[in-house]
Amino acid sequence: MSEKLFITIAGNIGTGKTTLTRMLGEHFGWKPHFESVADNPYLKDFYQDMARWSFPLQIYFLNHRYKVHREVSFASGSAIQDRSIYEDCHIFARNLYESGKMEERDYRNYQELYQEMIKHLAPPDLMIYLRKSVPRLVDHIQLRGRDFEQDLPVDYLTCLNRYYEEWIADYKIGRLLVIDSNELDFVKRPEDFAHVKKKIADRLDQKELFVRV
């Protein structure tokens, strides 16, 4: 394989990013990089007191995602990442600041650090955005059963969805694929996974046709 790909999957909490990352990684032979959840030292505390833990959590995610992005950039093989560093800033940190859960001085500090970091990062070859309605997000979150997510306010998910749509509308740094995942079940329906694979292959350049559906 003379080329390598860097694919990122973006989307709100409960869209199915992790499942799709795993499945695509296994199918295409891309190294998967998952979001730090089980080993995250701040996440449970954050959901109990967002204002108290917003800044350290966002710094943790920013650092984690930056290291993964750099690792993929210098690696010889293709990779797929569950959520991007761009979402940390444009969706989650923004939401915390605008909802009053992150102080302005912390937010400005975070923004400066983020802007400095992305100067050293080449964008992914393809950004896949999984779009899902809030009721479907709630259903999926309840189904997967993470204790600290069960009481997530609907308003919180609604705000995140709005910020995602605004960010995606202005996404200009690389190739983008938007997939409405409301009616898709990658695990139980092989035809849905085949639909996604074809969309990915169709969105890539001719030089990247080593990606076989």
N, C-alpha and C. Protein backbone atom coordinates (compact mmCIF):
# COMPACT_ATOMS: atom_id res chain seq x y z
N MET A 1 0.85 -1.19 0.00
CA MET A 1 0.00 0.00 0.00
C MET A 1 0.88 1.24 0.00
N SER A 2 0.81 2.02 -1.04
CA SER A 2 1.70 3.16 -1.19
C SER A 2 1.14 4.43 -0.58
N GLU A 3 -0.11 4.42 -0.23
CA GLU A 3 -0.74 5.59 0.36
C GLU A 3 -1.26 5.24 1.74
N LYS A 4 -1.44 6.25 2.54
CA LYS A 4 -2.09 6.02 3.83
C LYS A 4 -3.19 7.05 4.00
N LEU A 5 -4.17 6.70 4.81
CA LEU A 5 -5.32 7.57 5.04
C LEU A 5 -5.46 7.87 6.52
N PHE A 6 -5.96 9.07 6.78
CA PHE A 6 -6.33 9.45 8.14
C PHE A 6 -7.80 9.85 8.10
N ILE A 7 -8.65 9.02 8.69
CA ILE A 7 -10.08 9.24 8.72
C ILE A 7 -10.51 9.59 10.14
N THR A 8 -11.37 10.57 10.28
CA THR A 8 -11.90 10.93 11.60
C THR A 8 -13.42 10.87 11.56
N ILE A 9 -14.01 10.35 12.64
CA ILE A 9 -15.46 10.30 12.75
C ILE A 9 -15.91 11.29 13.82
N ALA A 10 -16.75 12.24 13.41
CA ALA A 10 -17.25 13.28 14.31
C ALA A 10 -18.72 13.04 14.60
N GLY A 11 -19.17 13.55 15.74
CA GLY A 11 -20.59 13.44 16.05
C GLY A 11 -20.87 13.59 17.53
N ASN A 12 -22.11 13.88 17.84
CA ASN A 12 -22.56 14.09 19.21
C ASN A 12 -22.43 12.82 20.04
N ILE A 13 -22.64 12.95 21.32
CA ILE A 13 -22.64 11.81 22.24
C ILE A 13 -23.78 10.87 21.84
N GLY A 14 -23.45 9.61 21.56
CA GLY A 14 -24.49 8.64 21.24
C GLY A 14 -24.80 8.47 19.78
N THR A 15 -23.97 8.98 18.89
CA THR A 15 -24.25 8.83 17.45
C THR A 15 -23.78 7.49 16.89
N GLY A 16 -22.93 6.79 17.62
CA GLY A 16 -22.39 5.52 17.12
C GLY A 16 -20.98 5.63 16.59
N LYS A 17 -20.26 6.67 16.97
CA LYS A 17 -18.90 6.89 16.47
C LYS A 17 -17.96 5.74 16.81
N THR A 18 -17.99 5.32 18.07
CA THR A 18 -17.06 4.29 18.52
C THR A 18 -17.30 2.98 17.79
N THR A 19 -18.56 2.59 17.65
CA THR A 19 -18.90 1.35 16.94
C THR A 19 -18.44 1.41 15.49
N LEU A 20 -18.72 2.53 14.82
CA LEU A 20 -18.33 2.65 13.43
C LEU A 20 -16.81 2.71 13.28
N THR A 21 -16.12 3.37 14.20
CA THR A 21 -14.66 3.40 14.18
C THR A 21 -14.09 2.00 14.25
N ARG A 22 -14.61 1.20 15.17
CA ARG A 22 -14.13 -0.17 15.33
C ARG A 22 -14.41 -1.00 14.07
N MET A 23 -15.61 -0.89 13.53
CA MET A 23 -15.99 -1.71 12.38
C MET A 23 -15.21 -1.34 11.13
N LEU A 24 -15.04 -0.05 10.89
CA LEU A 24 -14.28 0.39 9.72
C LEU A 24 -12.81 0.03 9.85
N GLY A 25 -12.29 0.18 11.07
CA GLY A 25 -10.90 -0.19 11.30
C GLY A 25 -10.65 -1.65 11.00
N GLU A 26 -11.56 -2.50 11.48
CA GLU A 26 -11.42 -3.94 11.24
C GLU A 26 -11.57 -4.28 9.76
N HIS A 27 -12.53 -3.63 9.09
CA HIS A 27 -12.80 -3.96 7.69
C HIS A 27 -11.68 -3.52 6.76
N PHE A 28 -11.21 -2.28 6.94
CA PHE A 28 -10.22 -1.74 6.01
C PHE A 28 -8.77 -1.94 6.47
N GLY A 29 -8.58 -2.41 7.70
CA GLY A 29 -7.23 -2.56 8.21
C GLY A 29 -6.63 -1.26 8.69
N TRP A 30 -7.47 -0.29 9.05
CA TRP A 30 -7.01 0.99 9.60
C TRP A 30 -6.83 0.84 11.11
N LYS A 31 -5.79 1.42 11.63
CA LYS A 31 -5.58 1.38 13.08
C LYS A 31 -6.61 2.30 13.76
N PRO A 32 -7.41 1.77 14.70
CA PRO A 32 -8.42 2.61 15.35
C PRO A 32 -7.85 3.34 16.57
N HIS A 33 -8.28 4.56 16.76
CA HIS A 33 -7.93 5.34 17.94
C HIS A 33 -9.23 5.80 18.58
N PHE A 34 -9.47 5.34 19.80
CA PHE A 34 -10.75 5.60 20.45
C PHE A 34 -10.66 6.74 21.46
N GLU A 35 -11.80 7.35 21.70
CA GLU A 35 -11.88 8.42 22.68
C GLU A 35 -11.58 7.86 24.07
N SER A 36 -10.87 8.64 24.88
CA SER A 36 -10.52 8.23 26.23
C SER A 36 -11.74 8.38 27.15
N VAL A 37 -12.38 7.26 27.46
CA VAL A 37 -13.57 7.28 28.32
C VAL A 37 -13.32 6.51 29.61
N ALA A 38 -13.08 5.21 29.51
CA ALA A 38 -12.91 4.36 30.69
C ALA A 38 -11.72 4.80 31.54
N ASP A 39 -10.65 5.28 30.89
CA ASP A 39 -9.46 5.67 31.64
C ASP A 39 -9.37 7.18 31.86
N ASN A 40 -10.47 7.88 31.61
CA ASN A 40 -10.48 9.34 31.78
C ASN A 40 -10.65 9.69 33.25
N PRO A 41 -9.68 10.40 33.86
CA PRO A 41 -9.75 10.68 35.30
C PRO A 41 -10.74 11.79 35.68
N TYR A 42 -11.32 12.47 34.70
CA TYR A 42 -12.19 13.61 34.99
C TYR A 42 -13.66 13.40 34.61
N LEU A 43 -13.95 12.43 33.75
CA LEU A 43 -15.26 12.38 33.10
C LEU A 43 -16.42 12.21 34.09
N LYS A 44 -16.32 11.28 35.02
CA LYS A 44 -17.41 11.07 35.97
C LYS A 44 -17.62 12.30 36.84
N ASP A 45 -16.53 12.90 37.30
CA ASP A 45 -16.64 14.12 38.11
C ASP A 45 -17.27 15.25 37.30
N PHE A 46 -16.92 15.33 36.02
CA PHE A 46 -17.46 16.38 35.17
C PHE A 46 -18.98 16.29 35.06
N TYR A 47 -19.51 15.10 34.87
CA TYR A 47 -20.95 14.96 34.73
C TYR A 47 -21.69 15.25 36.03
N GLN A 48 -20.98 15.19 37.16
CA GLN A 48 -21.60 15.52 38.45
C GLN A 48 -21.51 17.02 38.75
N ASP A 49 -20.47 17.68 38.21
CA ASP A 49 -20.29 19.12 38.46
C ASP A 49 -19.53 19.71 37.26
N MET A 50 -20.27 20.07 36.23
CA MET A 50 -19.65 20.54 34.98
C MET A 50 -18.83 21.80 35.17
N ALA A 51 -19.34 22.73 35.97
CA ALA A 51 -18.64 24.00 36.15
C ALA A 51 -17.28 23.79 36.82
N ARG A 52 -17.23 22.89 37.79
CA ARG A 52 -15.99 22.65 38.52
C ARG A 52 -14.94 21.97 37.65
N TRP A 53 -15.36 21.03 36.81
CA TRP A 53 -14.41 20.18 36.11
C TRP A 53 -14.31 20.47 34.61
N SER A 54 -14.98 21.49 34.12
CA SER A 54 -15.00 21.75 32.68
C SER A 54 -13.59 22.01 32.11
N PHE A 55 -12.84 22.88 32.76
CA PHE A 55 -11.53 23.25 32.21
C PHE A 55 -10.54 22.08 32.24
N PRO A 56 -10.35 21.40 33.40
CA PRO A 56 -9.40 20.27 33.37
C PRO A 56 -9.81 19.16 32.43
N LEU A 57 -11.13 18.91 32.30
CA LEU A 57 -11.58 17.87 31.37
C LEU A 57 -11.22 18.25 29.94
N GLN A 58 -11.50 19.49 29.55
CA GLN A 58 -11.23 19.90 28.18
C GLN A 58 -9.73 19.92 27.87
N ILE A 59 -8.92 20.27 28.84
CA ILE A 59 -7.47 20.23 28.65
C ILE A 59 -7.01 18.78 28.47
N TYR A 60 -7.59 17.88 29.25
CA TYR A 60 -7.25 16.46 29.14
C TYR A 60 -7.59 15.95 27.74
N PHE A 61 -8.80 16.24 27.27
CA PHE A 61 -9.19 15.78 25.94
C PHE A 61 -8.32 16.42 24.85
N LEU A 62 -8.04 17.70 25.00
CA LEU A 62 -7.22 18.40 24.01
C LEU A 62 -5.84 17.75 23.90
N ASN A 63 -5.23 17.47 25.03
CA ASN A 63 -3.92 16.84 25.05
C ASN A 63 -3.97 15.43 24.45
N HIS A 64 -4.98 14.66 24.84
CA HIS A 64 -5.13 13.30 24.33
C HIS A 64 -5.31 13.30 22.81
N ARG A 65 -6.20 14.15 22.32
CA ARG A 65 -6.50 14.17 20.90
C ARG A 65 -5.31 14.70 20.09
N TYR A 66 -4.58 15.65 20.63
CA TYR A 66 -3.40 16.18 19.95
C TYR A 66 -2.35 15.08 19.79
N LYS A 67 -2.11 14.32 20.83
CA LYS A 67 -1.11 13.25 20.77
C LYS A 67 -1.50 12.18 19.77
N VAL A 68 -2.79 11.84 19.74
CA VAL A 68 -3.26 10.85 18.77
C VAL A 68 -3.09 11.37 17.35
N HIS A 69 -3.48 12.63 17.12
CA HIS A 69 -3.38 13.22 15.79
C HIS A 69 -1.92 13.22 15.31
N ARG A 70 -1.01 13.59 16.19
CA ARG A 70 0.41 13.60 15.83
C ARG A 70 0.93 12.19 15.58
N GLU A 71 0.49 11.25 16.39
CA GLU A 71 0.91 9.86 16.20
C GLU A 71 0.48 9.34 14.84
N VAL A 72 -0.76 9.63 14.46
CA VAL A 72 -1.27 9.19 13.16
C VAL A 72 -0.48 9.85 12.03
N SER A 73 -0.18 11.12 12.19
CA SER A 73 0.53 11.86 11.14
C SER A 73 1.90 11.27 10.85
N PHE A 74 2.58 10.78 11.88
CA PHE A 74 3.94 10.26 11.71
C PHE A 74 3.98 8.76 11.47
N ALA A 75 2.84 8.10 11.62
CA ALA A 75 2.80 6.64 11.42
C ALA A 75 2.83 6.31 9.93
N SER A 76 3.20 5.08 9.61
CA SER A 76 3.31 4.68 8.20
C SER A 76 2.00 4.12 7.65
N GLY A 77 1.09 3.70 8.53
CA GLY A 77 -0.15 3.08 8.08
C GLY A 77 -1.36 3.98 8.25
N SER A 78 -2.48 3.55 7.69
CA SER A 78 -3.72 4.30 7.78
C SER A 78 -4.34 4.14 9.16
N ALA A 79 -5.16 5.15 9.54
CA ALA A 79 -5.76 5.14 10.86
C ALA A 79 -7.12 5.82 10.83
N ILE A 80 -7.94 5.49 11.81
CA ILE A 80 -9.25 6.10 11.96
C ILE A 80 -9.42 6.51 13.42
N GLN A 81 -9.93 7.72 13.62
CA GLN A 81 -10.02 8.30 14.96
C GLN A 81 -11.47 8.57 15.36
N ASP A 82 -11.80 8.18 16.57
CA ASP A 82 -13.10 8.43 17.17
C ASP A 82 -13.09 9.83 17.79
N ARG A 83 -13.70 10.79 17.10
CA ARG A 83 -13.79 12.21 17.45
C ARG A 83 -12.46 12.92 17.24
N SER A 84 -12.54 14.20 16.85
CA SER A 84 -11.36 14.97 16.46
C SER A 84 -11.05 16.08 17.46
N ILE A 85 -9.85 16.60 17.35
CA ILE A 85 -9.44 17.72 18.19
C ILE A 85 -10.26 18.97 17.89
N TYR A 86 -10.77 19.08 16.68
CA TYR A 86 -11.55 20.26 16.28
C TYR A 86 -12.87 20.33 17.05
N GLU A 87 -13.47 19.18 17.30
CA GLU A 87 -14.73 19.14 18.05
C GLU A 87 -14.52 19.59 19.48
N ASP A 88 -13.38 19.25 20.06
CA ASP A 88 -13.10 19.68 21.43
C ASP A 88 -13.28 21.18 21.59
N CYS A 89 -12.77 21.92 20.62
CA CYS A 89 -12.82 23.37 20.69
C CYS A 89 -14.16 23.93 20.22
N HIS A 90 -14.56 23.57 19.01
CA HIS A 90 -15.71 24.22 18.38
C HIS A 90 -17.06 23.75 18.92
N ILE A 91 -17.08 22.61 19.59
CA ILE A 91 -18.34 22.10 20.12
C ILE A 91 -18.35 22.13 21.64
N PHE A 92 -17.48 21.36 22.25
CA PHE A 92 -17.60 21.12 23.69
C PHE A 92 -17.10 22.28 24.54
N ALA A 93 -15.93 22.81 24.24
CA ALA A 93 -15.45 23.97 25.02
C ALA A 93 -16.36 25.17 24.79
N ARG A 94 -16.79 25.37 23.56
CA ARG A 94 -17.69 26.48 23.26
C ARG A 94 -19.00 26.35 24.05
N ASN A 95 -19.54 25.16 24.08
CA ASN A 95 -20.79 24.94 24.79
C ASN A 95 -20.63 25.22 26.29
N LEU A 96 -19.54 24.76 26.86
CA LEU A 96 -19.30 24.98 28.28
C LEU A 96 -19.16 26.46 28.60
N TYR A 97 -18.45 27.17 27.74
CA TYR A 97 -18.28 28.61 27.96
C TYR A 97 -19.59 29.36 27.80
N GLU A 98 -20.30 29.12 26.71
CA GLU A 98 -21.52 29.88 26.44
C GLU A 98 -22.67 29.51 27.38
N SER A 99 -22.59 28.35 28.01
CA SER A 99 -23.61 27.98 28.99
C SER A 99 -23.24 28.41 30.41
N GLY A 100 -22.09 29.09 30.54
CA GLY A 100 -21.67 29.60 31.85
C GLY A 100 -20.96 28.59 32.72
N LYS A 101 -20.54 27.45 32.15
CA LYS A 101 -19.89 26.40 32.93
C LYS A 101 -18.37 26.44 32.80
N MET A 102 -17.85 27.37 32.03
CA MET A 102 -16.41 27.59 31.97
C MET A 102 -16.16 29.09 32.04
N GLU A 103 -15.25 29.50 32.92
CA GLU A 103 -14.94 30.92 33.07
C GLU A 103 -14.27 31.46 31.81
N GLU A 104 -14.46 32.75 31.58
CA GLU A 104 -13.91 33.37 30.37
C GLU A 104 -12.40 33.26 30.32
N ARG A 105 -11.72 33.46 31.45
CA ARG A 105 -10.25 33.39 31.43
C ARG A 105 -9.78 31.98 31.07
N ASP A 106 -10.48 30.97 31.56
CA ASP A 106 -10.13 29.59 31.21
C ASP A 106 -10.40 29.32 29.73
N TYR A 107 -11.52 29.83 29.25
CA TYR A 107 -11.88 29.63 27.84
C TYR A 107 -10.87 30.30 26.91
N ARG A 108 -10.47 31.53 27.24
CA ARG A 108 -9.48 32.23 26.41
C ARG A 108 -8.14 31.49 26.44
N ASN A 109 -7.76 31.01 27.60
CA ASN A 109 -6.52 30.24 27.74
C ASN A 109 -6.60 28.97 26.89
N TYR A 110 -7.73 28.30 26.96
CA TYR A 110 -7.95 27.09 26.18
C TYR A 110 -7.88 27.39 24.68
N GLN A 111 -8.53 28.45 24.25
CA GLN A 111 -8.54 28.82 22.83
C GLN A 111 -7.13 29.08 22.32
N GLU A 112 -6.32 29.79 23.09
CA GLU A 112 -4.96 30.09 22.67
C GLU A 112 -4.13 28.81 22.53
N LEU A 113 -4.31 27.89 23.48
CA LEU A 113 -3.58 26.63 23.42
C LEU A 113 -4.02 25.82 22.20
N TYR A 114 -5.32 25.76 21.96
CA TYR A 114 -5.85 25.03 20.81
C TYR A 114 -5.31 25.59 19.49
N GLN A 115 -5.35 26.91 19.34
CA GLN A 115 -4.89 27.54 18.11
C GLN A 115 -3.41 27.27 17.87
N GLU A 116 -2.62 27.22 18.93
CA GLU A 116 -1.20 26.92 18.78
C GLU A 116 -1.00 25.47 18.38
N MET A 117 -1.79 24.58 18.95
CA MET A 117 -1.66 23.15 18.64
C MET A 117 -1.99 22.84 17.19
N ILE A 118 -3.08 23.38 16.69
CA ILE A 118 -3.51 22.99 15.34
C ILE A 118 -2.59 23.55 14.25
N LYS A 119 -1.72 24.50 14.60
CA LYS A 119 -0.72 24.96 13.63
C LYS A 119 0.20 23.81 13.22
N HIS A 120 0.33 22.82 14.09
CA HIS A 120 1.26 21.71 13.86
C HIS A 120 0.56 20.45 13.36
N LEU A 121 -0.72 20.58 12.99
CA LEU A 121 -1.49 19.41 12.57
C LEU A 121 -2.01 19.57 11.15
N ALA A 122 -1.80 18.54 10.33
CA ALA A 122 -2.45 18.49 9.03
C ALA A 122 -3.85 17.92 9.22
N PRO A 123 -4.86 18.46 8.54
CA PRO A 123 -6.22 17.94 8.73
C PRO A 123 -6.37 16.51 8.24
N PRO A 124 -7.38 15.80 8.71
CA PRO A 124 -7.61 14.43 8.23
C PRO A 124 -7.91 14.41 6.73
N ASP A 125 -7.67 13.28 6.11
CA ASP A 125 -8.01 13.13 4.70
C ASP A 125 -9.52 13.14 4.50
N LEU A 126 -10.25 12.66 5.49
CA LEU A 126 -11.70 12.65 5.41
C LEU A 126 -12.30 12.80 6.80
N MET A 127 -13.20 13.76 6.94
CA MET A 127 -13.96 13.93 8.17
C MET A 127 -15.37 13.39 7.91
N ILE A 128 -15.76 12.36 8.68
CA ILE A 128 -17.11 11.79 8.58
C ILE A 128 -17.94 12.34 9.73
N TYR A 129 -19.02 13.02 9.41
CA TYR A 129 -19.90 13.55 10.45
C TYR A 129 -21.16 12.70 10.52
N LEU A 130 -21.38 12.06 11.66
CA LEU A 130 -22.60 11.28 11.88
C LEU A 130 -23.66 12.19 12.49
N ARG A 131 -24.71 12.42 11.75
CA ARG A 131 -25.80 13.28 12.22
C ARG A 131 -26.91 12.40 12.81
N LYS A 132 -27.40 12.79 13.99
CA LYS A 132 -28.47 12.04 14.62
C LYS A 132 -29.34 12.99 15.43
N SER A 133 -30.66 12.77 15.42
CA SER A 133 -31.60 13.62 16.16
C SER A 133 -31.46 13.38 17.66
N VAL A 134 -31.86 14.37 18.45
CA VAL A 134 -31.73 14.28 19.90
C VAL A 134 -32.50 13.08 20.47
N PRO A 135 -33.77 12.82 20.07
CA PRO A 135 -34.46 11.64 20.61
C PRO A 135 -33.70 10.34 20.36
N ARG A 136 -33.09 10.20 19.19
CA ARG A 136 -32.31 8.99 18.90
C ARG A 136 -31.02 8.96 19.72
N LEU A 137 -30.44 10.12 19.97
CA LEU A 137 -29.26 10.18 20.83
C LEU A 137 -29.60 9.67 22.23
N VAL A 138 -30.73 10.15 22.76
CA VAL A 138 -31.15 9.75 24.10
C VAL A 138 -31.37 8.24 24.15
N ASP A 139 -32.03 7.69 23.14
CA ASP A 139 -32.28 6.25 23.09
C ASP A 139 -30.97 5.46 23.12
N HIS A 140 -30.02 5.92 22.31
CA HIS A 140 -28.74 5.20 22.22
C HIS A 140 -27.95 5.31 23.51
N ILE A 141 -27.94 6.48 24.13
CA ILE A 141 -27.22 6.68 25.39
C ILE A 141 -27.80 5.78 26.47
N GLN A 142 -29.11 5.70 26.55
CA GLN A 142 -29.74 4.83 27.55
C GLN A 142 -29.45 3.37 27.28
N LEU A 143 -29.41 3.00 26.01
CA LEU A 143 -29.18 1.61 25.63
C LEU A 143 -27.78 1.14 26.00
N ARG A 144 -26.77 2.00 25.81
CA ARG A 144 -25.41 1.56 26.10
C ARG A 144 -25.09 1.58 27.59
N GLY A 145 -25.88 2.30 28.39
CA GLY A 145 -25.88 2.13 29.83
C GLY A 145 -24.69 2.64 30.62
N ARG A 146 -24.00 3.65 30.15
CA ARG A 146 -22.94 4.25 30.97
C ARG A 146 -23.60 5.05 32.09
N ASP A 147 -23.29 4.71 33.33
CA ASP A 147 -23.98 5.31 34.48
C ASP A 147 -23.90 6.83 34.47
N PHE A 148 -22.71 7.37 34.20
CA PHE A 148 -22.52 8.81 34.31
C PHE A 148 -23.18 9.58 33.17
N GLU A 149 -23.71 8.89 32.15
CA GLU A 149 -24.38 9.57 31.04
C GLU A 149 -25.90 9.55 31.16
N GLN A 150 -26.43 8.76 32.08
CA GLN A 150 -27.87 8.52 32.09
C GLN A 150 -28.71 9.76 32.41
N ASP A 151 -28.14 10.71 33.11
CA ASP A 151 -28.89 11.91 33.49
C ASP A 151 -28.51 13.14 32.66
N LEU A 152 -27.91 12.91 31.50
CA LEU A 152 -27.56 14.04 30.63
C LEU A 152 -28.81 14.81 30.25
N PRO A 153 -28.85 16.13 30.49
CA PRO A 153 -30.04 16.92 30.12
C PRO A 153 -30.24 16.94 28.61
N VAL A 154 -31.50 16.89 28.19
CA VAL A 154 -31.81 16.97 26.77
C VAL A 154 -31.33 18.30 26.20
N ASP A 155 -31.43 19.36 26.98
CA ASP A 155 -30.97 20.68 26.53
C ASP A 155 -29.48 20.66 26.20
N TYR A 156 -28.71 19.90 26.96
CA TYR A 156 -27.27 19.79 26.73
C TYR A 156 -27.00 19.15 25.37
N LEU A 157 -27.67 18.04 25.09
CA LEU A 157 -27.51 17.36 23.80
C LEU A 157 -28.00 18.22 22.65
N THR A 158 -29.08 18.96 22.89
CA THR A 158 -29.63 19.85 21.86
C THR A 158 -28.64 20.95 21.49
N CYS A 159 -28.01 21.54 22.49
CA CYS A 159 -27.00 22.58 22.23
C CYS A 159 -25.82 22.02 21.46
N LEU A 160 -25.37 20.84 21.86
CA LEU A 160 -24.25 20.22 21.15
C LEU A 160 -24.61 19.97 19.69
N ASN A 161 -25.82 19.48 19.44
CA ASN A 161 -26.24 19.26 18.06
C ASN A 161 -26.23 20.54 17.25
N ARG A 162 -26.68 21.62 17.86
CA ARG A 162 -26.70 22.91 17.16
C ARG A 162 -25.28 23.37 16.83
N TYR A 163 -24.38 23.24 17.79
CA TYR A 163 -22.99 23.64 17.54
C TYR A 163 -22.34 22.76 16.48
N TYR A 164 -22.69 21.47 16.49
CA TYR A 164 -22.16 20.58 15.46
C TYR A 164 -22.59 21.03 14.07
N GLU A 165 -23.86 21.35 13.94
CA GLU A 165 -24.37 21.76 12.63
C GLU A 165 -23.70 23.06 12.17
N GLU A 166 -23.47 23.99 13.06
CA GLU A 166 -22.80 25.24 12.70
C GLU A 166 -21.35 24.99 12.30
N TRP A 167 -20.68 24.12 13.05
CA TRP A 167 -19.28 23.80 12.74
C TRP A 167 -19.16 23.11 11.39
N ILE A 168 -20.02 22.12 11.15
CA ILE A 168 -19.97 21.37 9.89
C ILE A 168 -20.29 22.28 8.70
N ALA A 169 -21.20 23.22 8.89
CA ALA A 169 -21.55 24.14 7.80
C ALA A 169 -20.35 24.98 7.37
N ASP A 170 -19.41 25.22 8.28
CA ASP A 170 -18.23 26.04 7.98
C ASP A 170 -16.96 25.21 7.82
N TYR A 171 -17.07 23.89 7.80
CA TYR A 171 -15.88 23.05 7.74
C TYR A 171 -15.27 23.13 6.34
N LYS A 172 -14.07 23.71 6.26
CA LYS A 172 -13.43 23.95 4.97
C LYS A 172 -12.00 23.43 4.89
N ILE A 173 -11.50 22.81 5.95
CA ILE A 173 -10.08 22.46 5.98
C ILE A 173 -9.77 21.13 5.29
N GLY A 174 -10.80 20.39 4.91
CA GLY A 174 -10.55 19.10 4.26
C GLY A 174 -11.83 18.50 3.72
N ARG A 175 -11.72 17.29 3.22
CA ARG A 175 -12.86 16.59 2.64
C ARG A 175 -13.84 16.17 3.74
N LEU A 176 -15.13 16.29 3.44
CA LEU A 176 -16.17 16.05 4.44
C LEU A 176 -17.22 15.09 3.89
N LEU A 177 -17.68 14.18 4.74
CA LEU A 177 -18.79 13.29 4.40
C LEU A 177 -19.80 13.34 5.54
N VAL A 178 -21.02 13.76 5.24
CA VAL A 178 -22.09 13.82 6.24
C VAL A 178 -23.01 12.62 6.04
N ILE A 179 -23.24 11.89 7.12
CA ILE A 179 -24.10 10.70 7.08
C ILE A 179 -25.21 10.85 8.11
N ASP A 180 -26.45 10.79 7.66
CA ASP A 180 -27.59 10.78 8.58
C ASP A 180 -27.72 9.37 9.14
N SER A 181 -27.47 9.23 10.43
CA SER A 181 -27.44 7.90 11.04
C SER A 181 -28.70 7.55 11.81
N ASN A 182 -29.75 8.36 11.67
CA ASN A 182 -30.97 8.11 12.43
C ASN A 182 -31.54 6.72 12.18
N GLU A 183 -31.53 6.28 10.93
CA GLU A 183 -32.16 5.01 10.57
C GLU A 183 -31.14 3.91 10.31
N LEU A 184 -29.87 4.16 10.62
CA LEU A 184 -28.83 3.17 10.34
C LEU A 184 -28.50 2.34 11.59
N ASP A 185 -28.26 1.07 11.37
CA ASP A 185 -27.78 0.18 12.42
C ASP A 185 -26.62 -0.62 11.84
N PHE A 186 -25.39 -0.12 12.09
CA PHE A 186 -24.21 -0.72 11.48
C PHE A 186 -24.00 -2.17 11.91
N VAL A 187 -24.39 -2.50 13.14
CA VAL A 187 -24.12 -3.81 13.71
C VAL A 187 -25.12 -4.86 13.23
N LYS A 188 -26.40 -4.55 13.30
CA LYS A 188 -27.44 -5.55 13.03
C LYS A 188 -27.81 -5.66 11.56
N ARG A 189 -27.54 -4.61 10.78
CA ARG A 189 -27.93 -4.65 9.37
C ARG A 189 -26.70 -4.47 8.48
N PRO A 190 -26.18 -5.55 7.89
CA PRO A 190 -25.00 -5.47 7.04
C PRO A 190 -25.18 -4.48 5.89
N GLU A 191 -26.41 -4.34 5.38
CA GLU A 191 -26.63 -3.41 4.27
C GLU A 191 -26.37 -1.96 4.68
N ASP A 192 -26.59 -1.64 5.97
CA ASP A 192 -26.32 -0.27 6.44
C ASP A 192 -24.81 -0.01 6.49
N PHE A 193 -24.06 -1.01 6.94
CA PHE A 193 -22.60 -0.87 6.96
C PHE A 193 -22.05 -0.79 5.54
N ALA A 194 -22.61 -1.57 4.63
CA ALA A 194 -22.19 -1.51 3.23
C ALA A 194 -22.48 -0.14 2.63
N HIS A 195 -23.61 0.46 3.02
CA HIS A 195 -23.98 1.80 2.55
C HIS A 195 -22.93 2.82 2.99
N VAL A 196 -22.49 2.73 4.22
CA VAL A 196 -21.48 3.66 4.74
C VAL A 196 -20.15 3.45 4.03
N LYS A 197 -19.75 2.20 3.86
CA LYS A 197 -18.47 1.91 3.19
C LYS A 197 -18.44 2.48 1.77
N LYS A 198 -19.55 2.34 1.06
CA LYS A 198 -19.61 2.86 -0.30
C LYS A 198 -19.51 4.38 -0.32
N LYS A 199 -20.19 5.03 0.62
CA LYS A 199 -20.12 6.48 0.70
C LYS A 199 -18.69 6.96 0.94
N ILE A 200 -17.97 6.24 1.80
CA ILE A 200 -16.58 6.60 2.09
C ILE A 200 -15.72 6.44 0.84
N ALA A 201 -15.84 5.31 0.18
CA ALA A 201 -15.05 5.05 -1.02
C ALA A 201 -15.34 6.08 -2.11
N ASP A 202 -16.61 6.45 -2.26
CA ASP A 202 -17.00 7.43 -3.27
C ASP A 202 -16.45 8.82 -2.97
N ARG A 203 -16.19 9.09 -1.69
CA ARG A 203 -15.76 10.44 -1.30
C ARG A 203 -14.25 10.63 -1.39
N LEU A 204 -13.52 9.55 -1.58
CA LEU A 204 -12.07 9.64 -1.60
C LEU A 204 -11.55 9.90 -3.01
N ASP A 205 -10.32 10.39 -3.09
CA ASP A 205 -9.68 10.67 -4.37
C ASP A 205 -9.36 9.39 -5.14
N GLN A 206 -9.12 9.54 -6.45
CA GLN A 206 -8.75 8.40 -7.29
C GLN A 206 -7.49 7.71 -6.76
N LYS A 207 -6.57 8.47 -6.25
CA LYS A 207 -5.32 7.87 -5.78
C LYS A 207 -5.54 6.98 -4.55
N GLU A 208 -6.72 7.12 -3.95
CA GLU A 208 -6.99 6.35 -2.73
C GLU A 208 -7.98 5.21 -3.00
N LEU A 209 -7.99 4.71 -4.24
CA LEU A 209 -8.92 3.65 -4.58
C LEU A 209 -8.47 2.28 -4.10
N PHE A 210 -7.35 2.24 -3.34
CA PHE A 210 -6.98 0.99 -2.70
C PHE A 210 -7.96 0.66 -1.59
N VAL A 211 -8.83 1.61 -1.23
CA VAL A 211 -9.89 1.33 -0.26
C VAL A 211 -10.98 0.55 -0.99
N ARG A 212 -11.16 -0.68 -0.64
CA ARG A 212 -12.12 -1.53 -1.32
C ARG A 212 -13.33 -1.78 -0.43
N VAL A 213 -14.50 -1.63 -1.00
CA VAL A 213 -15.74 -1.85 -0.27
C VAL A 213 -15.96 -3.34 -0.07
